[in-house]
Amino acid sequence: MIRQSVTFVYTRDLAGAEAFLAGQLGFERVLDQNGLCHVYRTSPTSFLGVCTTRPVPAEPGVTITFVVDDIDATHAAWAARSVVFEAPPATSARFNVRSCFFRGIEGYRFEVQTFLDPAWPRG
């Protein structure tokens, strides 16, 4: 059984990534790998790693989604920390979620989402 997951993305500016992930989003840095990679806790079993060991993609082709219980409270808290959202939270009937998006380090696209479907396996 998988116990934890780590998603790695790449940056040219580890200090800027730290300012964004720890400073603006409030994630705890749990590991510094020789000044080349930092790993941040995003949930009790999930982590986001940021490394300078590979080139940054010109157009990052992933969306990093954080699932929260209260999308509106998270949006308000992060907006107060100067996170710039593309739009306020909105409900998608197609996917039965409420979400909002923002760009983060190196142009990566981030989403904050609350599943409205009662079938979603909550933690």
N, C-alpha and C. Protein backbone atom coordinates (compact mmCIF):
# COMPACT_ATOMS: atom_id res chain seq x y z
N MET A 1 0.85 -1.18 0.00
CA MET A 1 0.00 0.00 0.00
C MET A 1 0.89 1.24 0.00
N ILE A 2 0.50 2.23 -0.76
CA ILE A 2 1.21 3.51 -0.79
C ILE A 2 0.87 4.26 0.49
N ARG A 3 1.88 4.73 1.19
CA ARG A 3 1.69 5.43 2.46
C ARG A 3 1.71 6.95 2.31
N GLN A 4 2.46 7.44 1.33
CA GLN A 4 2.59 8.88 1.14
C GLN A 4 2.78 9.14 -0.35
N SER A 5 2.63 10.40 -0.75
CA SER A 5 2.94 10.77 -2.14
C SER A 5 3.66 12.11 -2.15
N VAL A 6 4.59 12.23 -3.10
CA VAL A 6 5.33 13.47 -3.31
C VAL A 6 5.24 13.79 -4.79
N THR A 7 4.86 15.01 -5.11
CA THR A 7 4.89 15.51 -6.48
C THR A 7 6.04 16.48 -6.57
N PHE A 8 6.91 16.30 -7.58
CA PHE A 8 8.05 17.19 -7.74
C PHE A 8 7.84 18.12 -8.92
N VAL A 9 8.16 19.39 -8.72
CA VAL A 9 8.18 20.39 -9.78
C VAL A 9 9.54 21.06 -9.75
N TYR A 10 9.82 21.87 -10.75
CA TYR A 10 11.17 22.42 -10.89
C TYR A 10 11.14 23.94 -10.94
N THR A 11 12.23 24.53 -10.44
CA THR A 11 12.34 25.97 -10.36
C THR A 11 13.78 26.39 -10.59
N ARG A 12 13.94 27.64 -10.98
CA ARG A 12 15.27 28.25 -11.05
C ARG A 12 15.56 29.02 -9.77
N ASP A 13 14.53 29.23 -8.93
CA ASP A 13 14.62 30.11 -7.77
C ASP A 13 14.04 29.43 -6.53
N LEU A 14 14.87 28.69 -5.83
CA LEU A 14 14.41 27.95 -4.65
C LEU A 14 13.95 28.90 -3.53
N ALA A 15 14.60 30.03 -3.38
CA ALA A 15 14.19 31.00 -2.36
C ALA A 15 12.83 31.60 -2.70
N GLY A 16 12.59 31.87 -3.98
CA GLY A 16 11.28 32.38 -4.40
C GLY A 16 10.19 31.34 -4.19
N ALA A 17 10.53 30.09 -4.47
CA ALA A 17 9.57 29.00 -4.24
C ALA A 17 9.23 28.90 -2.76
N GLU A 18 10.25 29.04 -1.91
CA GLU A 18 10.05 29.01 -0.45
C GLU A 18 9.13 30.16 -0.02
N ALA A 19 9.37 31.34 -0.55
CA ALA A 19 8.54 32.50 -0.20
C ALA A 19 7.08 32.25 -0.57
N PHE A 20 6.87 31.62 -1.72
CA PHE A 20 5.51 31.35 -2.18
C PHE A 20 4.86 30.22 -1.38
N LEU A 21 5.53 29.06 -1.32
CA LEU A 21 4.92 27.88 -0.71
C LEU A 21 4.81 27.97 0.81
N ALA A 22 5.86 28.44 1.46
CA ALA A 22 5.82 28.56 2.92
C ALA A 22 5.20 29.89 3.34
N GLY A 23 5.64 30.97 2.68
CA GLY A 23 5.17 32.29 3.08
C GLY A 23 3.73 32.57 2.71
N GLN A 24 3.39 32.36 1.44
CA GLN A 24 2.03 32.69 1.01
C GLN A 24 1.02 31.58 1.26
N LEU A 25 1.39 30.33 0.95
CA LEU A 25 0.43 29.25 1.13
C LEU A 25 0.47 28.64 2.52
N GLY A 26 1.56 28.90 3.25
CA GLY A 26 1.65 28.42 4.63
C GLY A 26 2.05 26.96 4.77
N PHE A 27 2.66 26.37 3.74
CA PHE A 27 3.08 24.98 3.83
C PHE A 27 4.37 24.87 4.64
N GLU A 28 4.47 23.80 5.41
CA GLU A 28 5.66 23.54 6.22
C GLU A 28 6.73 22.86 5.38
N ARG A 29 7.92 23.45 5.36
CA ARG A 29 9.04 22.77 4.70
C ARG A 29 9.52 21.68 5.64
N VAL A 30 9.52 20.43 5.17
CA VAL A 30 9.89 19.30 6.02
C VAL A 30 11.27 18.74 5.69
N LEU A 31 11.84 19.15 4.55
CA LEU A 31 13.12 18.60 4.15
C LEU A 31 13.84 19.55 3.21
N ASP A 32 15.13 19.70 3.44
CA ASP A 32 16.01 20.43 2.53
C ASP A 32 17.05 19.42 2.05
N GLN A 33 17.02 19.11 0.78
CA GLN A 33 17.94 18.12 0.22
C GLN A 33 19.15 18.84 -0.38
N ASN A 34 20.12 19.12 0.48
CA ASN A 34 21.40 19.71 0.07
C ASN A 34 21.27 21.02 -0.69
N GLY A 35 20.25 21.81 -0.38
CA GLY A 35 20.07 23.09 -1.05
C GLY A 35 19.65 22.96 -2.50
N LEU A 36 19.30 21.76 -2.95
CA LEU A 36 18.88 21.53 -4.33
C LEU A 36 17.38 21.32 -4.44
N CYS A 37 16.78 20.74 -3.42
CA CYS A 37 15.34 20.47 -3.40
C CYS A 37 14.81 20.76 -2.01
N HIS A 38 13.61 21.32 -1.97
CA HIS A 38 12.87 21.49 -0.72
C HIS A 38 11.58 20.70 -0.86
N VAL A 39 11.17 20.07 0.23
CA VAL A 39 9.92 19.31 0.25
C VAL A 39 9.00 19.93 1.29
N TYR A 40 7.75 20.17 0.88
CA TYR A 40 6.75 20.81 1.72
C TYR A 40 5.59 19.86 1.98
N ARG A 41 5.10 19.86 3.20
CA ARG A 41 3.92 19.05 3.54
C ARG A 41 2.67 19.80 3.08
N THR A 42 1.83 19.13 2.30
CA THR A 42 0.57 19.73 1.86
C THR A 42 -0.63 19.10 2.55
N SER A 43 -0.44 17.91 3.11
CA SER A 43 -1.45 17.22 3.92
C SER A 43 -0.70 16.21 4.78
N PRO A 44 -1.38 15.50 5.66
CA PRO A 44 -0.65 14.55 6.50
C PRO A 44 0.15 13.50 5.72
N THR A 45 -0.27 13.17 4.50
CA THR A 45 0.43 12.14 3.74
C THR A 45 0.87 12.58 2.35
N SER A 46 0.74 13.86 2.04
CA SER A 46 1.09 14.35 0.70
C SER A 46 2.09 15.49 0.81
N PHE A 47 2.98 15.55 -0.18
CA PHE A 47 4.07 16.52 -0.16
C PHE A 47 4.28 17.09 -1.55
N LEU A 48 4.82 18.30 -1.60
CA LEU A 48 5.21 18.93 -2.85
C LEU A 48 6.69 19.22 -2.76
N GLY A 49 7.45 18.65 -3.69
CA GLY A 49 8.88 18.88 -3.75
C GLY A 49 9.20 19.89 -4.84
N VAL A 50 10.14 20.78 -4.56
CA VAL A 50 10.56 21.79 -5.53
C VAL A 50 12.07 21.68 -5.67
N CYS A 51 12.54 21.46 -6.90
CA CYS A 51 13.96 21.20 -7.12
C CYS A 51 14.54 22.12 -8.20
N THR A 52 15.85 22.31 -8.09
CA THR A 52 16.59 23.08 -9.09
C THR A 52 17.42 22.15 -9.98
N THR A 53 17.16 20.87 -9.92
CA THR A 53 18.00 19.86 -10.57
C THR A 53 17.66 19.56 -12.02
N ARG A 54 16.56 20.11 -12.51
CA ARG A 54 16.16 19.89 -13.90
C ARG A 54 15.66 21.20 -14.48
N PRO A 55 15.64 21.30 -15.79
CA PRO A 55 15.11 22.53 -16.40
C PRO A 55 13.62 22.71 -16.09
N VAL A 56 13.23 23.95 -16.00
CA VAL A 56 11.81 24.27 -15.82
C VAL A 56 11.14 24.14 -17.19
N PRO A 57 10.02 23.42 -17.27
CA PRO A 57 9.34 23.31 -18.56
C PRO A 57 8.82 24.68 -19.02
N ALA A 58 8.90 24.91 -20.32
CA ALA A 58 8.42 26.19 -20.87
C ALA A 58 6.94 26.39 -20.57
N GLU A 59 6.17 25.34 -20.68
CA GLU A 59 4.74 25.38 -20.37
C GLU A 59 4.42 24.18 -19.51
N PRO A 60 4.45 24.33 -18.18
CA PRO A 60 4.17 23.18 -17.32
C PRO A 60 2.81 22.57 -17.67
N GLY A 61 2.79 21.29 -17.94
CA GLY A 61 1.58 20.62 -18.41
C GLY A 61 0.77 19.92 -17.35
N VAL A 62 0.90 20.36 -16.11
CA VAL A 62 0.13 19.74 -15.04
C VAL A 62 -0.60 20.82 -14.26
N THR A 63 -1.65 20.41 -13.58
CA THR A 63 -2.32 21.26 -12.60
C THR A 63 -2.16 20.57 -11.26
N ILE A 64 -1.66 21.28 -10.29
CA ILE A 64 -1.47 20.74 -8.95
C ILE A 64 -2.69 21.16 -8.14
N THR A 65 -3.46 20.17 -7.69
CA THR A 65 -4.72 20.43 -7.01
C THR A 65 -4.61 20.10 -5.54
N PHE A 66 -5.08 21.03 -4.71
CA PHE A 66 -5.15 20.83 -3.27
C PHE A 66 -6.63 20.72 -2.90
N VAL A 67 -7.02 19.62 -2.29
CA VAL A 67 -8.41 19.40 -1.90
C VAL A 67 -8.58 19.90 -0.47
N VAL A 68 -9.55 20.78 -0.28
CA VAL A 68 -9.82 21.37 1.03
C VAL A 68 -11.28 21.18 1.39
N ASP A 69 -11.59 21.32 2.68
CA ASP A 69 -12.98 21.20 3.12
C ASP A 69 -13.78 22.45 2.82
N ASP A 70 -13.15 23.62 2.93
CA ASP A 70 -13.87 24.89 2.77
C ASP A 70 -13.13 25.77 1.76
N ILE A 71 -13.55 25.69 0.52
CA ILE A 71 -12.90 26.42 -0.58
C ILE A 71 -12.96 27.93 -0.35
N ASP A 72 -14.07 28.41 0.15
CA ASP A 72 -14.22 29.85 0.32
C ASP A 72 -13.28 30.39 1.40
N ALA A 73 -13.14 29.65 2.49
CA ALA A 73 -12.23 30.08 3.56
C ALA A 73 -10.78 30.02 3.09
N THR A 74 -10.43 28.96 2.35
CA THR A 74 -9.06 28.85 1.84
C THR A 74 -8.77 29.96 0.85
N HIS A 75 -9.70 30.23 -0.05
CA HIS A 75 -9.53 31.31 -1.02
C HIS A 75 -9.32 32.64 -0.30
N ALA A 76 -10.14 32.92 0.69
CA ALA A 76 -10.02 34.18 1.43
C ALA A 76 -8.68 34.28 2.15
N ALA A 77 -8.26 33.19 2.80
CA ALA A 77 -7.00 33.21 3.55
C ALA A 77 -5.81 33.41 2.62
N TRP A 78 -5.79 32.71 1.49
CA TRP A 78 -4.65 32.82 0.58
C TRP A 78 -4.67 34.14 -0.17
N ALA A 79 -5.85 34.64 -0.52
CA ALA A 79 -5.93 35.95 -1.17
C ALA A 79 -5.41 37.03 -0.22
N ALA A 80 -5.67 36.88 1.08
CA ALA A 80 -5.15 37.83 2.07
C ALA A 80 -3.63 37.77 2.16
N ARG A 81 -3.04 36.65 1.72
CA ARG A 81 -1.57 36.51 1.69
C ARG A 81 -1.02 36.81 0.30
N SER A 82 -1.79 37.51 -0.50
CA SER A 82 -1.38 38.00 -1.83
C SER A 82 -1.31 36.94 -2.91
N VAL A 83 -1.98 35.80 -2.74
CA VAL A 83 -2.11 34.85 -3.84
C VAL A 83 -3.10 35.45 -4.82
N VAL A 84 -2.73 35.51 -6.10
CA VAL A 84 -3.58 36.11 -7.12
C VAL A 84 -4.32 35.00 -7.86
N PHE A 85 -5.62 34.94 -7.66
CA PHE A 85 -6.46 33.91 -8.28
C PHE A 85 -6.96 34.39 -9.63
N GLU A 86 -7.19 33.44 -10.54
CA GLU A 86 -7.74 33.77 -11.86
C GLU A 86 -9.17 34.27 -11.73
N ALA A 87 -9.91 33.74 -10.77
CA ALA A 87 -11.31 34.12 -10.52
C ALA A 87 -11.67 33.59 -9.13
N PRO A 88 -12.75 34.08 -8.55
CA PRO A 88 -13.17 33.54 -7.25
C PRO A 88 -13.66 32.10 -7.40
N PRO A 89 -13.85 31.40 -6.29
CA PRO A 89 -14.35 30.02 -6.38
C PRO A 89 -15.67 29.96 -7.12
N ALA A 90 -15.80 28.92 -7.93
CA ALA A 90 -17.03 28.71 -8.70
C ALA A 90 -17.36 27.22 -8.68
N THR A 91 -18.63 26.93 -8.86
CA THR A 91 -19.09 25.54 -8.88
C THR A 91 -19.14 25.04 -10.31
N SER A 92 -18.60 23.85 -10.52
CA SER A 92 -18.66 23.19 -11.81
C SER A 92 -19.66 22.05 -11.71
N ALA A 93 -20.81 22.21 -12.36
CA ALA A 93 -21.82 21.15 -12.37
C ALA A 93 -21.29 19.93 -13.12
N ARG A 94 -20.48 20.17 -14.11
CA ARG A 94 -19.93 19.06 -14.92
C ARG A 94 -19.11 18.09 -14.07
N PHE A 95 -18.29 18.64 -13.15
CA PHE A 95 -17.42 17.79 -12.33
C PHE A 95 -17.89 17.68 -10.88
N ASN A 96 -18.94 18.41 -10.52
CA ASN A 96 -19.50 18.40 -9.18
C ASN A 96 -18.46 18.79 -8.13
N VAL A 97 -17.77 19.90 -8.42
CA VAL A 97 -16.77 20.44 -7.52
C VAL A 97 -16.94 21.95 -7.44
N ARG A 98 -16.33 22.52 -6.43
CA ARG A 98 -16.22 23.97 -6.31
C ARG A 98 -14.72 24.25 -6.26
N SER A 99 -14.24 25.15 -7.13
CA SER A 99 -12.80 25.33 -7.22
C SER A 99 -12.43 26.72 -7.72
N CYS A 100 -11.12 27.00 -7.60
CA CYS A 100 -10.54 28.21 -8.17
C CYS A 100 -9.08 27.92 -8.48
N PHE A 101 -8.51 28.72 -9.38
CA PHE A 101 -7.17 28.47 -9.91
C PHE A 101 -6.27 29.68 -9.72
N PHE A 102 -4.97 29.40 -9.63
CA PHE A 102 -3.97 30.47 -9.59
C PHE A 102 -2.67 29.93 -10.17
N ARG A 103 -1.81 30.85 -10.59
CA ARG A 103 -0.48 30.47 -11.08
C ARG A 103 0.50 30.66 -9.94
N GLY A 104 1.43 29.73 -9.86
CA GLY A 104 2.43 29.80 -8.80
C GLY A 104 3.82 29.85 -9.38
N ILE A 105 4.74 29.24 -8.69
CA ILE A 105 6.14 29.24 -9.08
C ILE A 105 6.32 28.74 -10.51
N GLU A 106 7.14 29.45 -11.26
CA GLU A 106 7.53 29.06 -12.62
C GLU A 106 6.34 28.85 -13.55
N GLY A 107 5.21 29.46 -13.25
CA GLY A 107 4.04 29.36 -14.13
C GLY A 107 3.21 28.11 -13.93
N TYR A 108 3.54 27.28 -12.94
CA TYR A 108 2.71 26.10 -12.68
C TYR A 108 1.31 26.54 -12.31
N ARG A 109 0.33 25.77 -12.77
CA ARG A 109 -1.07 26.06 -12.47
C ARG A 109 -1.48 25.28 -11.23
N PHE A 110 -2.09 25.98 -10.29
CA PHE A 110 -2.57 25.38 -9.06
C PHE A 110 -4.08 25.52 -8.99
N GLU A 111 -4.71 24.56 -8.35
CA GLU A 111 -6.15 24.58 -8.13
C GLU A 111 -6.42 24.27 -6.67
N VAL A 112 -7.40 24.97 -6.11
CA VAL A 112 -7.92 24.63 -4.79
C VAL A 112 -9.34 24.15 -5.04
N GLN A 113 -9.69 22.99 -4.47
CA GLN A 113 -10.95 22.35 -4.85
C GLN A 113 -11.63 21.72 -3.65
N THR A 114 -12.95 21.78 -3.66
CA THR A 114 -13.78 21.05 -2.71
C THR A 114 -14.70 20.15 -3.53
N PHE A 115 -14.66 18.86 -3.26
CA PHE A 115 -15.56 17.93 -3.94
C PHE A 115 -16.95 18.05 -3.33
N LEU A 116 -17.96 18.20 -4.17
CA LEU A 116 -19.34 18.26 -3.71
C LEU A 116 -20.00 16.89 -3.74
N ASP A 117 -19.42 15.98 -4.48
CA ASP A 117 -19.93 14.62 -4.62
C ASP A 117 -19.73 13.85 -3.31
N PRO A 118 -20.80 13.37 -2.68
CA PRO A 118 -20.65 12.63 -1.42
C PRO A 118 -19.88 11.33 -1.58
N ALA A 119 -19.69 10.87 -2.81
CA ALA A 119 -18.93 9.65 -3.05
C ALA A 119 -17.42 9.86 -2.94
N TRP A 120 -16.96 11.13 -2.92
CA TRP A 120 -15.52 11.39 -2.82
C TRP A 120 -15.03 10.85 -1.47
N PRO A 121 -13.93 10.07 -1.48
CA PRO A 121 -13.40 9.51 -0.22
C PRO A 121 -12.71 10.57 0.62
N ARG A 122 -13.34 11.02 1.62
CA ARG A 122 -12.78 12.05 2.49
C ARG A 122 -11.78 11.41 3.46
N GLY A 123 -10.76 12.18 3.85
CA GLY A 123 -9.69 11.69 4.70
C GLY A 123 -10.05 11.10 5.98
